[in-house]
Protein backbone atom coordinates (compact mmCIF):
# COMPACT_ATOMS: atom_id res chain seq x y z
CA MET A 1 -13.69 2.13 48.57
CA THR A 2 -10.94 -0.03 49.59
CA TYR A 3 -10.30 -3.04 46.91
CA ILE A 4 -10.81 -6.53 48.19
CA PRO A 5 -9.63 -9.20 45.92
CA SER A 6 -12.01 -12.58 45.86
CA VAL A 7 -8.78 -14.64 46.20
CA LEU A 8 -6.17 -12.93 48.23
CA LYS A 9 -2.60 -14.09 46.82
CA ILE A 10 0.45 -13.62 49.17
CA LEU A 11 3.86 -14.51 49.15
CA VAL A 12 5.54 -14.72 52.72
CA ILE A 13 9.52 -14.60 52.20
CA GLU A 14 10.42 -15.80 55.70
CA ASP A 15 13.03 -18.13 56.83
CA ASN A 16 11.66 -18.76 60.29
CA LEU A 17 9.16 -21.43 60.30
CA GLY A 18 7.34 -20.64 63.29
CA ASP A 19 6.85 -17.16 62.20
CA PHE A 20 5.63 -18.11 59.01
CA ILE A 21 3.05 -20.45 60.47
CA LEU A 22 1.92 -17.52 62.58
CA ILE A 23 1.68 -15.07 59.73
CA GLU A 24 -0.38 -18.06 57.83
CA GLU A 25 -2.86 -18.16 60.66
CA TYR A 26 -3.32 -14.49 60.64
CA LEU A 27 -3.89 -14.53 57.01
CA ASN A 28 -6.38 -17.30 56.97
CA GLU A 29 -8.29 -15.46 59.89
CA ILE A 30 -8.17 -12.30 57.67
CA GLN A 31 -9.96 -13.94 54.55
CA SER A 32 -11.27 -17.48 54.08
CA ASP A 33 -10.05 -17.89 50.16
CA VAL A 34 -6.34 -17.12 50.70
CA ASN A 35 -3.61 -18.22 48.38
CA ILE A 36 -0.26 -18.41 50.37
CA LYS A 37 3.05 -19.26 48.85
CA ARG A 38 6.34 -19.13 51.19
CA ALA A 39 9.97 -18.82 49.99
CA SER A 40 12.69 -19.18 52.90
CA THR A 41 15.38 -17.68 50.87
CA PHE A 42 16.09 -14.72 48.47
CA GLU A 43 16.68 -17.18 45.66
CA GLU A 44 13.50 -18.85 46.15
CA ALA A 45 11.60 -15.53 46.27
CA LYS A 46 13.13 -14.13 43.15
CA THR A 47 12.17 -17.53 41.65
CA ILE A 48 8.56 -17.24 42.20
CA LEU A 49 8.15 -13.45 41.68
CA LYS A 50 9.67 -13.84 38.24
CA SER A 51 7.25 -16.56 37.19
CA ASP A 52 3.85 -15.66 35.68
CA ILE A 53 2.08 -16.08 39.23
CA GLN A 54 -0.13 -12.99 40.02
CA LEU A 55 0.42 -11.73 43.60
CA ASP A 56 -1.54 -9.20 45.66
CA ALA A 57 1.09 -8.71 48.15
CA VAL A 58 4.58 -9.69 49.64
CA LEU A 59 5.32 -10.03 53.14
CA LEU A 60 9.27 -9.57 53.39
CA ASP A 61 11.20 -10.68 56.51
CA LEU A 62 14.50 -8.69 56.13
CA SER A 63 16.76 -11.22 57.57
CA LEU A 64 17.49 -14.12 54.88
CA PRO A 65 20.10 -16.48 55.23
CA ASP A 66 21.50 -15.87 51.52
CA VAL A 67 21.57 -12.07 51.73
CA ASP A 68 23.66 -9.82 53.83
CA ASP A 69 22.94 -6.26 52.41
CA ARG A 70 19.24 -5.37 53.57
CA GLU A 71 19.10 -2.43 51.16
CA ILE A 72 19.89 -4.46 48.12
CA LEU A 73 17.32 -7.06 49.27
CA VAL A 74 14.51 -4.54 49.71
CA LYS A 75 15.61 -2.79 46.28
CA ASP A 76 15.59 -6.21 44.48
CA ILE A 77 12.29 -7.63 45.99
CA VAL A 78 10.76 -4.20 45.11
CA GLU A 79 12.17 -4.52 41.38
CA PHE A 80 10.76 -8.15 41.22
CA SER A 81 7.66 -7.64 42.75
CA ASN A 82 6.73 -5.38 39.73
CA LYS A 83 3.21 -4.19 40.56
CA CYS A 84 2.16 -5.62 43.70
CA ALA A 85 2.45 -4.21 47.32
CA VAL A 86 5.72 -4.92 49.46
CA ILE A 87 5.11 -4.86 53.06
CA VAL A 88 8.56 -5.33 55.40
CA LEU A 89 8.19 -7.34 58.53
CA THR A 90 11.02 -6.18 61.14
CA GLY A 91 12.03 -6.42 64.79
CA PHE A 92 12.60 -3.71 67.16
CA GLY A 93 15.97 -3.72 66.25
CA ASP A 94 15.27 -2.97 62.91
CA LYS A 95 12.80 -0.13 63.17
CA ASP A 96 14.59 2.80 61.81
CA PHE A 97 15.75 0.61 58.66
CA GLY A 98 12.06 -0.20 58.28
CA VAL A 99 11.28 3.46 58.34
CA LYS A 100 14.05 3.87 55.62
CA THR A 101 12.32 1.26 53.48
CA LEU A 102 9.73 3.39 52.77
CA SER A 103 11.99 5.70 50.48
CA LEU A 104 12.95 2.12 48.57
CA GLY A 105 9.49 1.62 47.30
CA ILE A 106 8.07 -0.37 50.13
CA SER A 107 4.30 -0.09 50.79
CA ASP A 108 4.47 -0.34 54.69
CA TYR A 109 6.42 -1.87 57.24
CA LEU A 110 5.28 -3.87 60.63
CA LEU A 111 6.85 -4.67 63.88
CA LYS A 112 6.71 -8.56 64.18
CA ASP A 113 6.52 -8.27 67.98
CA GLU A 114 3.41 -5.88 67.78
CA LEU A 115 1.65 -7.82 64.72
CA THR A 116 -1.86 -8.42 64.88
CA ILE A 117 -4.50 -9.82 62.64
CA SER A 118 -6.14 -6.46 62.47
CA GLN A 119 -2.99 -4.52 61.86
CA LEU A 120 -1.87 -7.07 59.32
CA SER A 121 -5.08 -6.95 57.33
CA LYS A 122 -5.01 -3.23 57.53
CA SER A 123 -1.85 -2.91 56.17
CA ILE A 124 -2.43 -5.40 53.27
CA PHE A 125 -5.61 -3.80 51.81
CA TYR A 126 -4.21 -0.31 52.57
CA SER A 127 -0.98 -1.38 50.79
CA ILE A 128 -2.77 -2.91 47.74
CA GLU A 129 -5.00 -0.22 47.33
CA ARG A 130 -2.23 2.24 47.90
CA LYS A 131 -0.43 0.32 45.03
CA LYS A 132 -2.91 0.50 42.69
CA SER A 133 -3.47 4.05 43.29
CA GLU A 134 0.40 4.39 42.63
CA ILE A 135 0.28 2.39 39.27
CA GLN A 136 -2.76 4.44 38.10
CA LEU A 137 -1.09 7.76 38.88
CA PHE A 138 2.09 6.58 37.25
CA GLU A 139 0.27 5.35 34.06
CA SER A 140 -1.74 8.84 34.08
CA GLU A 141 1.37 10.73 34.57
CA LYS A 142 3.30 8.56 31.75
CA LYS A 143 0.23 9.13 29.25
CA TYR A 144 0.57 13.06 30.05
CA LYS A 145 4.14 12.98 29.63
CA SER A 146 3.71 11.01 26.37
CA LEU A 147 0.94 13.26 25.13
CA PHE A 148 3.12 16.24 26.11
CA ASN A 149 6.31 15.20 24.44
CA SER A 150 4.52 13.56 21.12
CA SER A 151 2.07 16.19 20.44
CA PRO A 152 2.51 17.95 17.30
CA VAL A 153 1.65 20.93 18.91
CA PRO A 154 4.34 23.11 20.43
CA MET A 155 4.09 23.15 24.33
CA PHE A 156 5.82 24.24 27.39
CA VAL A 157 5.78 24.56 31.22
CA LEU A 158 6.59 27.81 32.95
CA ASP A 159 7.30 28.65 36.61
CA ARG A 160 4.37 30.97 37.27
CA ASN A 161 6.33 33.26 39.38
CA THR A 162 9.82 33.40 37.96
CA LEU A 163 8.74 32.71 34.21
CA GLU A 164 11.36 30.06 33.86
CA PHE A 165 11.12 26.93 31.42
CA LEU A 166 10.29 23.79 33.43
CA SER A 167 9.39 21.38 30.59
CA VAL A 168 9.30 21.68 26.89
CA ASN A 169 8.17 19.10 24.14
CA GLN A 170 10.06 17.93 21.00
CA ALA A 171 7.37 20.29 19.01
CA ALA A 172 8.34 23.30 20.73
CA ILE A 173 12.38 22.50 20.35
CA LYS A 174 11.62 22.29 16.54
CA LEU A 175 9.82 25.32 16.45
CA TYR A 176 12.11 27.46 18.10
CA GLY A 177 15.58 25.66 17.51
CA TYR A 178 16.62 25.59 21.16
CA SER A 179 17.77 22.49 22.66
CA GLY A 180 15.89 21.02 25.79
CA GLU A 181 18.98 21.97 28.22
CA GLU A 182 18.83 25.60 26.68
CA PHE A 183 15.44 25.99 27.19
CA LEU A 184 15.98 25.12 30.89
CA ASN A 185 18.51 27.85 30.99
CA LEU A 186 15.77 30.74 29.54
CA LYS A 187 12.77 32.60 30.63
CA VAL A 188 10.04 33.08 28.55
CA SER A 189 10.72 36.81 28.59
CA ASP A 190 13.71 35.88 26.69
CA LEU A 191 11.76 34.90 23.88
CA TRP A 192 9.49 38.27 23.51
CA LEU A 193 10.12 40.43 20.75
CA ASN A 194 9.43 43.39 23.11
CA LYS A 195 11.32 42.69 26.44
CA GLU A 196 8.85 44.78 28.35
CA GLU A 197 5.56 43.31 27.20
CA PRO A 198 3.76 44.91 30.19
CA GLU A 199 0.47 43.58 29.20
CA ILE A 200 1.55 40.15 28.90
CA ASP A 201 3.69 40.40 31.96
CA HIS A 202 0.53 41.20 33.87
CA LEU A 203 -1.48 38.60 32.47
CA VAL A 204 1.04 35.93 33.40
CA ASN A 205 2.17 36.90 37.04
CA ASN A 206 -1.85 37.89 37.73
CA LYS A 207 -3.17 35.14 40.12
CA ARG A 208 -6.74 35.53 39.12
CA HIS A 209 -6.32 34.75 35.58
CA ASP A 210 -6.49 31.37 35.14
CA TYR A 211 -6.93 30.50 31.27
CA PHE A 212 -6.06 33.29 29.13
CA GLU A 213 -5.03 33.54 25.30
CA PHE A 214 -3.78 36.39 23.17
CA GLN A 215 -1.30 36.52 20.03
CA ILE A 216 2.31 37.33 20.61
CA SER A 217 5.46 37.56 18.63
CA HIS A 218 8.35 35.55 19.54
CA LYS A 219 12.10 35.36 18.64
CA LYS A 220 13.53 31.98 17.68
CA LYS A 221 17.14 31.01 18.16
CA SER A 222 18.01 31.84 14.58
CA GLY A 223 16.54 35.52 15.24
CA GLU A 224 13.49 34.77 12.90
CA VAL A 225 10.53 36.36 14.20
CA ILE A 226 7.55 34.19 14.50
CA HIS A 227 3.72 34.82 15.26
CA LEU A 228 1.89 32.79 17.78
CA GLU A 229 -1.56 32.22 19.22
CA LEU A 230 -0.78 31.36 22.83
CA GLN A 231 -3.55 29.28 25.35
CA SER A 232 -2.05 29.23 29.22
CA ASN A 233 -3.54 27.12 31.76
CA PRO A 234 -2.57 27.05 35.51
CA ILE A 235 -1.19 23.65 36.68
CA SER A 236 1.00 22.14 39.58
CA PHE A 237 4.30 20.89 38.17
CA ASP A 238 6.61 18.75 40.55
CA GLY A 239 5.07 20.72 43.27
CA ARG A 240 5.64 24.16 41.54
CA ASP A 241 3.13 26.66 40.93
CA ALA A 242 3.32 26.90 36.86
CA ARG A 243 1.56 27.18 33.67
CA VAL A 244 1.10 24.92 30.75
CA THR A 245 1.14 26.68 27.55
CA LEU A 246 -0.04 25.63 24.01
CA LEU A 247 1.54 27.45 20.99
CA ASN A 248 -0.11 27.89 17.40
CA ASP A 249 2.26 29.23 14.67
CA ILE A 250 0.00 31.63 12.63
CA THR A 251 3.21 33.12 10.88
CA ALA A 252 2.50 31.63 7.77
CA ARG A 253 -1.27 32.87 8.01
CA ILE A 254 -0.17 36.48 8.85
CA LYS A 255 2.06 36.52 6.14
CA ALA A 256 -0.60 34.74 3.49
CA GLU A 257 -3.39 37.58 5.16
CA LYS A 258 -0.87 40.17 3.91
CA LEU A 259 0.26 38.80 0.59
CA LEU A 260 -3.69 38.48 0.04
CA ALA A 261 -4.43 41.78 0.83
CA ASP A 262 -1.25 43.16 -1.38
CA SER A 263 -2.25 41.21 -4.33
CA GLU A 264 -6.21 41.43 -4.37
CA GLN A 265 -5.95 44.46 -6.90
CA ARG A 266 -3.35 42.27 -8.86
CA PHE A 267 -5.53 39.28 -8.78
CA LYS A 268 -8.72 41.01 -10.27
CA ALA A 269 -6.25 42.37 -13.04
CA LEU A 270 -5.13 38.99 -13.71
CA VAL A 271 -8.76 37.42 -13.66
CA GLN A 272 -9.80 40.21 -16.47
CA GLU A 273 -6.79 39.20 -18.48
CA ALA A 274 -6.99 35.24 -18.22
CA SER A 275 -7.40 33.00 -21.01
CA ASP A 276 -10.13 31.47 -19.30
CA LEU A 277 -13.82 32.90 -19.44
CA VAL A 278 -15.47 33.80 -16.28
CA MET A 279 -19.19 34.56 -16.24
CA ILE A 280 -21.64 35.37 -13.51
CA LEU A 281 -25.03 34.41 -14.05
CA ASP A 282 -28.42 33.47 -12.59
CA PHE A 283 -30.22 29.95 -13.02
CA ASP A 284 -32.24 31.60 -15.96
CA GLY A 285 -28.56 31.82 -17.68
CA ASN A 286 -28.96 35.75 -17.61
CA PHE A 287 -25.27 37.31 -17.07
CA SER A 288 -24.31 40.01 -14.63
CA HIS A 289 -20.50 39.74 -15.58
CA VAL A 290 -18.39 38.27 -18.25
CA SER A 291 -14.61 38.40 -18.45
CA PRO A 292 -12.92 40.37 -21.55
CA SER A 293 -11.56 36.73 -22.24
CA SER A 294 -15.23 36.32 -24.06
CA GLU A 295 -13.58 37.87 -27.30
CA LEU A 296 -10.61 35.42 -27.17
CA VAL A 297 -12.77 32.33 -26.63
CA MET A 298 -15.84 33.14 -28.37
CA GLY A 299 -15.12 36.36 -30.59
CA ILE A 300 -17.88 38.07 -28.71
CA PRO A 301 -17.15 41.18 -26.67
CA ALA A 302 -17.72 41.19 -23.00
CA ASN A 303 -20.20 44.23 -23.10
CA GLN A 304 -22.34 42.41 -26.16
CA MET A 305 -22.32 39.19 -24.15
CA LEU A 306 -23.67 40.67 -21.37
CA LYS A 307 -27.13 41.30 -23.26
CA MET A 308 -27.30 37.65 -24.32
CA ASN A 309 -28.52 34.42 -22.51
CA LEU A 310 -26.14 31.56 -21.85
CA PHE A 311 -28.79 29.16 -23.22
CA ASP A 312 -29.00 30.70 -26.30
CA LEU A 313 -25.50 30.07 -27.03
CA ILE A 314 -25.43 26.19 -26.43
CA HIS A 315 -25.85 23.69 -28.91
CA ALA A 316 -29.17 22.33 -29.00
CA GLU A 317 -28.20 18.70 -28.56
CA ASP A 318 -26.26 19.72 -25.12
CA LEU A 319 -28.73 22.18 -23.56
CA ASP A 320 -30.90 19.77 -21.52
CA GLN A 321 -27.60 18.45 -20.03
CA VAL A 322 -26.25 21.60 -19.21
CA LYS A 323 -29.53 23.03 -17.50
CA LYS A 324 -29.81 19.92 -15.32
CA ASN A 325 -26.39 20.43 -14.29
CA ILE A 326 -26.86 23.92 -13.21
CA LEU A 327 -30.06 22.92 -11.41
CA ARG A 328 -27.87 20.71 -9.12
CA LEU A 329 -25.98 23.82 -7.84
CA GLU A 330 -29.49 24.46 -5.62
CA ASN A 331 -28.30 21.77 -3.54
CA ARG A 332 -24.49 21.79 -3.96
CA LYS A 333 -21.80 24.43 -3.98
CA ARG A 334 -19.81 23.58 -6.86
CA ILE A 335 -20.24 21.18 -9.85
CA GLN A 336 -18.08 20.58 -12.89
CA ILE A 337 -20.30 19.64 -15.85
CA PRO A 338 -19.15 17.57 -18.88
CA SER A 339 -17.88 19.51 -21.86
CA TYR A 340 -20.57 21.14 -24.31
CA ARG A 341 -20.45 23.07 -27.34
CA ILE A 342 -21.23 26.66 -27.52
CA LYS A 343 -21.52 28.87 -30.52
CA THR A 344 -19.03 31.88 -31.36
CA LEU A 345 -19.66 35.07 -33.24
CA SER A 346 -18.62 33.45 -36.46
CA ASN A 347 -21.23 30.50 -35.74
CA GLU A 348 -18.38 28.14 -35.36
CA TRP A 349 -19.11 25.46 -32.19
CA ARG A 350 -16.52 25.56 -29.89
CA TRP A 351 -16.06 22.69 -27.07
CA ILE A 352 -15.78 24.39 -23.46
CA GLU A 353 -15.53 22.97 -20.11
CA THR A 354 -17.22 24.57 -17.04
CA VAL A 355 -16.89 24.69 -13.47
CA PHE A 356 -20.04 26.11 -11.65
CA THR A 357 -19.74 27.46 -7.98
CA ASN A 358 -22.93 28.91 -6.21
CA LEU A 359 -22.13 32.27 -4.78
CA LEU A 360 -25.57 33.57 -4.67
CA THR A 361 -25.64 33.88 -0.80
CA ASP A 362 -22.08 36.19 -1.28
CA THR A 363 -23.18 39.59 -1.54
CA ALA A 364 -20.25 40.52 -3.34
CA VAL A 365 -21.01 38.26 -6.34
CA ASN A 366 -24.62 37.03 -6.09
CA GLY A 367 -25.13 34.84 -8.60
CA LEU A 368 -23.30 31.46 -10.33
CA VAL A 369 -19.78 31.89 -10.92
CA ALA A 370 -18.89 29.84 -14.19
CA ASN A 371 -15.26 29.31 -15.15
CA SER A 372 -14.85 27.92 -18.45
CA ARG A 373 -12.14 27.12 -20.76
CA ASP A 374 -11.74 26.24 -24.37
CA VAL A 375 -11.40 22.12 -24.84
CA THR A 376 -11.99 22.01 -28.55
CA GLU A 377 -8.52 20.73 -29.42
CA PHE A 378 -8.72 18.44 -26.44
CA VAL A 379 -11.93 16.77 -27.43
CA ASN A 380 -11.24 16.41 -31.24
CA GLN A 381 -8.09 14.58 -30.06
CA GLU A 382 -10.11 12.63 -27.66
CA ARG A 383 -12.48 11.63 -30.36
CA LYS A 384 -9.73 10.77 -32.57
CA LEU A 385 -8.37 8.39 -29.81
CA MET A 386 -11.55 6.92 -29.27
CA ASP A 387 -12.08 6.12 -32.90
CA SER A 388 -8.61 4.45 -32.99
CA LEU A 389 -9.52 2.67 -30.22
CA GLN A 390 -12.85 1.61 -31.33
CA ARG A 391 -11.15 0.30 -34.63
CA TYR A 392 -8.65 -1.59 -32.42
CA ASP A 393 -11.31 -3.29 -30.50
CA ILE A 394 -13.35 -4.11 -33.67
CA VAL A 395 -10.30 -5.83 -35.27
CA ALA A 396 -9.47 -7.67 -31.96
CA LYS A 397 -13.03 -8.86 -31.82
CA ALA A 398 -12.83 -9.75 -35.58
CA THR A 399 -10.23 -11.98 -35.45
CA SER A 400 -10.03 -15.40 -34.34
CA ASP A 401 -6.27 -14.63 -33.11
CA THR A 402 -5.34 -13.80 -29.38
CA ILE A 403 -4.24 -10.46 -29.23
CA THR A 404 -1.56 -9.34 -26.85
CA ASP A 405 -0.51 -6.21 -25.52
CA TYR A 406 2.39 -6.12 -23.19
CA ASP A 407 3.45 -3.05 -21.40
CA VAL A 408 7.42 -3.86 -20.91
CA GLN A 409 8.16 -1.17 -18.37
CA LYS A 410 5.07 -2.12 -16.02
CA ASP A 411 5.33 -5.59 -16.74
CA ILE A 412 1.64 -5.96 -17.34
CA MET A 413 -0.08 -8.04 -20.21
CA GLN A 414 -3.50 -7.72 -21.87
CA PHE A 415 -5.29 -10.06 -23.99
CA ASN A 416 -8.63 -9.93 -25.89
CA GLN A 417 -11.33 -12.87 -25.93
CA GLY A 418 -9.12 -15.14 -27.83
CA MET A 419 -7.42 -16.31 -24.57
CA GLU A 420 -10.84 -17.51 -23.25
CA LEU A 421 -11.86 -18.85 -26.54
CA MET A 422 -8.61 -20.39 -28.05
CA PHE A 423 -7.24 -21.88 -24.64
CA GLY A 424 -10.28 -21.95 -22.50
CA TYR A 425 -8.87 -19.81 -19.62
CA THR A 426 -11.44 -17.69 -17.44
CA ARG A 427 -10.94 -14.25 -16.70
CA ASP A 428 -10.37 -15.51 -13.25
CA GLN A 429 -7.59 -17.72 -14.15
CA ILE A 430 -6.00 -15.07 -16.19
CA SER A 431 -3.03 -12.88 -14.75
CA THR A 432 -1.53 -9.61 -16.16
CA LYS A 433 1.91 -10.58 -15.41
CA GLY A 434 4.27 -11.57 -17.85
CA SER A 435 5.48 -14.64 -15.89
CA TRP A 436 1.93 -15.89 -16.34
CA TRP A 437 2.18 -15.94 -20.00
CA ASP A 438 5.81 -17.16 -19.65
CA ASP A 439 4.73 -20.20 -17.48
CA LYS A 440 2.53 -21.70 -20.35
CA VAL A 441 5.23 -21.77 -23.03
CA HIS A 442 6.05 -25.68 -23.35
CA PRO A 443 9.35 -25.90 -21.47
CA GLU A 444 11.15 -27.53 -24.61
CA ASP A 445 10.25 -24.20 -26.48
CA ALA A 446 10.59 -21.66 -23.73
CA GLU A 447 14.46 -20.92 -23.97
CA ARG A 448 14.18 -20.47 -27.64
CA VAL A 449 11.38 -18.03 -27.31
CA LYS A 450 13.05 -16.20 -24.67
CA SER A 451 16.32 -15.98 -26.53
CA LYS A 452 14.35 -14.75 -29.74
CA VAL A 453 12.54 -11.82 -27.54
CA ALA A 454 15.76 -10.94 -26.06
CA GLN A 455 17.06 -10.52 -29.43
CA VAL A 456 14.48 -8.21 -30.48
CA TYR A 457 15.07 -6.15 -27.40
CA ARG A 458 18.45 -5.64 -27.72
CA ASN A 459 17.96 -4.69 -31.52
CA GLY A 460 15.56 -1.97 -30.12
CA HIS A 461 13.06 -2.43 -32.98
CA GLY A 462 11.45 -4.76 -35.50
CA SER A 463 9.15 -7.69 -35.51
CA LEU A 464 9.16 -11.39 -34.16
CA GLN A 465 7.77 -14.36 -35.84
CA ILE A 466 8.17 -17.45 -33.85
CA LYS A 467 6.26 -20.75 -33.50
CA TYR A 468 5.76 -22.60 -29.90
CA ARG A 469 3.47 -24.64 -28.02
CA PHE A 470 1.32 -22.72 -25.56
CA ARG A 471 -0.49 -24.83 -22.62
CA CYS A 472 -4.52 -24.63 -22.42
CA ALA A 473 -6.59 -24.51 -19.39
CA ASN A 474 -7.13 -28.31 -19.72
CA GLY A 475 -3.25 -29.04 -19.40
CA SER A 476 -2.99 -29.77 -23.23
CA TYR A 477 -0.78 -27.73 -25.72
CA LYS A 478 -1.44 -25.99 -29.05
CA TYR A 479 0.95 -25.01 -31.66
CA ILE A 480 1.08 -21.59 -32.16
CA LEU A 481 2.52 -18.84 -34.89
CA ASP A 482 3.23 -15.85 -32.89
CA ARG A 483 3.76 -12.38 -34.78
CA THR A 484 4.91 -9.75 -32.38
CA TYR A 485 5.85 -6.21 -33.23
CA LEU A 486 7.99 -4.12 -30.63
CA VAL A 487 6.92 -0.59 -30.05
CA THR A 488 9.85 1.64 -28.70
CA ASP A 489 10.09 5.47 -27.53
CA GLU A 490 12.47 8.06 -29.43
CA MET A 491 15.64 6.38 -27.49
CA GLY A 492 14.82 3.02 -28.76
CA LYS A 493 13.79 1.75 -25.22
CA PRO A 494 11.33 -0.97 -25.38
CA LEU A 495 7.63 0.35 -24.44
CA LYS A 496 5.13 -2.30 -25.57
CA MET A 497 5.11 -5.79 -27.46
CA ILE A 498 1.73 -5.99 -29.61
CA GLY A 499 1.35 -9.60 -30.82
CA SER A 500 -1.00 -11.89 -32.55
CA MET A 501 -1.04 -15.62 -31.41
CA GLN A 502 -2.61 -17.95 -34.35
CA ASP A 503 -3.64 -21.32 -33.68
CA ILE A 504 -1.65 -23.62 -36.21
CA THR A 505 -2.40 -27.15 -34.49
CA GLU A 506 -4.26 -28.30 -37.17
CA ILE A 507 -1.78 -27.42 -39.93
CA GLN A 508 1.09 -28.54 -37.47
CA ASN A 509 -0.80 -32.00 -37.09
CA HIS A 510 -1.31 -32.19 -40.96
CA ILE A 511 2.29 -31.48 -41.59
CA GLN A 512 3.61 -33.98 -39.04
CA THR A 513 0.99 -36.39 -40.62
CA ILE A 514 2.54 -35.87 -43.89
CA GLU A 515 6.00 -36.11 -42.69
CA ASP A 516 5.39 -39.55 -40.71
CA HIS A 517 3.59 -40.84 -44.34
CA ASN A 518 6.61 -39.66 -46.19
CA GLU A 519 9.16 -41.74 -43.72
CA ARG A 520 6.78 -44.53 -44.17
CA LEU A 521 7.14 -44.40 -48.23
CA LYS A 522 10.91 -44.09 -47.36
CA ASP A 523 10.58 -47.18 -45.40
CA ILE A 524 8.81 -49.24 -47.85
CA ALA A 525 10.80 -48.08 -50.51
CA TRP A 526 13.85 -49.36 -48.97
CA THR A 527 12.50 -52.32 -47.51
CA GLN A 528 11.08 -53.56 -51.27
CA SER A 529 14.29 -52.34 -52.66
CA HIS A 530 16.02 -55.34 -50.81
CA VAL A 531 13.07 -57.74 -51.57
CA VAL A 532 13.37 -56.82 -55.23
CA ARG A 533 16.89 -57.30 -55.58
CA ALA A 534 16.73 -61.22 -54.83
CA PRO A 535 14.51 -62.40 -57.82
CA LEU A 536 16.14 -59.68 -60.00
CA ALA A 537 19.86 -60.72 -59.30
CA ARG A 538 18.93 -64.49 -60.06
CA ILE A 539 17.18 -63.54 -63.40
CA MET A 540 20.24 -61.28 -64.19
CA GLY A 541 22.57 -64.24 -63.10
CA ILE A 542 20.76 -66.93 -65.34
CA ILE A 543 21.04 -64.44 -68.42
CA ASP A 544 24.59 -64.17 -67.88
CA LEU A 545 25.08 -67.81 -67.73
CA LEU A 546 23.06 -68.26 -70.92
CA GLN A 547 24.97 -65.66 -73.01
CA THR A 548 28.28 -67.10 -71.95
CA ASP A 549 27.50 -70.83 -72.47
CA ASN A 550 25.30 -71.40 -75.50
CA ASP A 551 25.80 -75.43 -75.00
CA LEU A 552 24.13 -75.80 -71.48
CA GLU A 553 22.29 -78.85 -71.43
CA ASP A 554 19.51 -77.43 -68.90
CA GLN A 555 18.70 -74.34 -70.69
CA GLU A 556 14.71 -75.07 -70.62
CA ASP A 557 15.25 -75.41 -66.68
CA LEU A 558 17.10 -72.28 -66.69
CA LEU A 559 14.34 -70.33 -68.67
CA LYS A 560 11.58 -71.73 -66.45
CA HIS A 561 13.62 -70.36 -63.44
CA ILE A 562 13.67 -66.76 -65.08
CA LEU A 563 9.93 -67.12 -65.48
CA THR A 564 9.23 -68.07 -61.68
CA SER A 565 11.60 -65.22 -60.90
CA ALA A 566 10.11 -62.63 -63.19
CA THR A 567 6.66 -63.72 -61.82
CA GLU A 568 7.98 -63.25 -58.41
CA LEU A 569 9.42 -59.70 -59.17
CA ASP A 570 5.95 -58.82 -60.80
CA GLY A 571 4.47 -59.45 -57.41
CA ILE A 572 6.74 -57.55 -55.21
CA ILE A 573 6.25 -54.60 -57.96
CA ARG A 574 2.38 -54.85 -57.56
CA LYS A 575 2.60 -55.02 -53.81
CA ILE A 576 4.98 -51.90 -53.50
CA THR A 577 2.57 -50.09 -55.94
CA ASN A 578 -0.62 -50.92 -53.58
CA GLN A 579 1.30 -49.79 -50.33
CA THR A 580 2.36 -46.68 -52.21
CA GLU A 581 -1.02 -45.73 -53.40
CA GLN A 582 -2.41 -46.38 -49.90
CA VAL A 583 0.02 -43.98 -48.13
CA THR A 584 -0.57 -41.37 -51.11
CA GLN A 585 -4.28 -41.56 -50.52
CA LYS A 586 -3.89 -40.83 -46.65
CA ILE A 587 -1.68 -37.81 -47.68
CA SER A 588 -4.19 -36.54 -49.99
CA GLU A 589 -6.67 -36.89 -47.16
CA CYS A 590 -5.00 -34.52 -44.98
């Protein structure tokens, strides 16, 4: 079915106005909705073609005023036209060149003197359809070549008659070690381990065989022999009768199968001598096989254990969970059950970990295979660790301090609930990055804290006790006494910083208040001492005068002055005493 666009978009490249008007009339007769653009020069045409305008076809006159070389003109227009059809309009004198343009990518050529509406219409729509098919074919070939070249599966194309290589993908080049050029100078028979290969030769050359597959051994460029599964289909390749062949390298599989066969007895021996306990039993716990390692794990010889039942050996507290897990094998192939206790010959309880595999359908096994290993030491160590972690958690919860645990290598810091209770941060606001904590230290204290921490790192051991201010979620700051201990490896490399952040804001405030009051006392003492000196100086002056001159007539007045100054001095001393008592009272209240 011919494709007919709803709006026909045509570019007419024609310098002759009369010819253009005639073509325009024809186009309007062909379809009512036509979008026609005209270019009278090559430069105008190039500008239009390089724009974002979508065209269905280009009608090209070979005689343009700004281009002398018609072949270059055609090539450039075809290149710039991208995916739309190009139809050449020519005269009788250019008929031969018109035919030549078909090899240059032109969809069709028309003689101007014989141009009719039906001829133009047929050429346009057929050219559009042909261009569409060419694009689809090109995209299809492009996808095929891309899939062929990028496929991880080695592939090559052979001439069906000569067995020469026509194309080889990168996976095949990598597999064989030949370059692409080297492959094209070879035949597939050059790779055969047996040069004759009559059976394969017959398959390849027999025209009645379309698809076939078989196993074959090939020799790589290095001389290494590889084993392959080969699948082949006939195709047409660049007009040649050919075959596309897919290769599956099964060298590793064949070697593995051989190794498996060679090691079967050795594997059985290893199972018998392994430290893991291997048992085969049914859902009721009855044994059909027990490996000799039962004596090593449980102190019970295998032949003696065969007469026992697994469930009779399991600790009563663990029995129910073991039975429930085993029953899960009715619907599952394999499970690993949590560790449980099993009784040894000496009535000692050992922890074991077991992987159960349901092989009831395997006639060679016909049971549940249990692979068990003794994990007693691991469980004991784990319990000790859990107890230690529990104690740590209890201590962390019991203290009102904020406990910090900083992983120096990973830059991960963890906090207990103190970070929320003491500073008001929610879990969403807290980051585990060390930079988050650094950012909360008061800017005036940050450099001092950083320097102290760096000093501890340099020493490679020891503890740090430092005071600083830390920002709360509401923006206020609290005074913190931070006691931190550095944990290092054997080489002294820092691993962790474990710390305790104690809120000493109240204590610091009390200290500051006392310091302020002390300063106030100093101010009082300094100020009042100067006030005291005035009356005291007068008294001392008058007394000195009386001592040096006994004939003074105004001695009575002088004594009155001494009394007045003494009274003034007494009042000053009382005032000082009251102020000092007030400050002392405030200090005691702190």
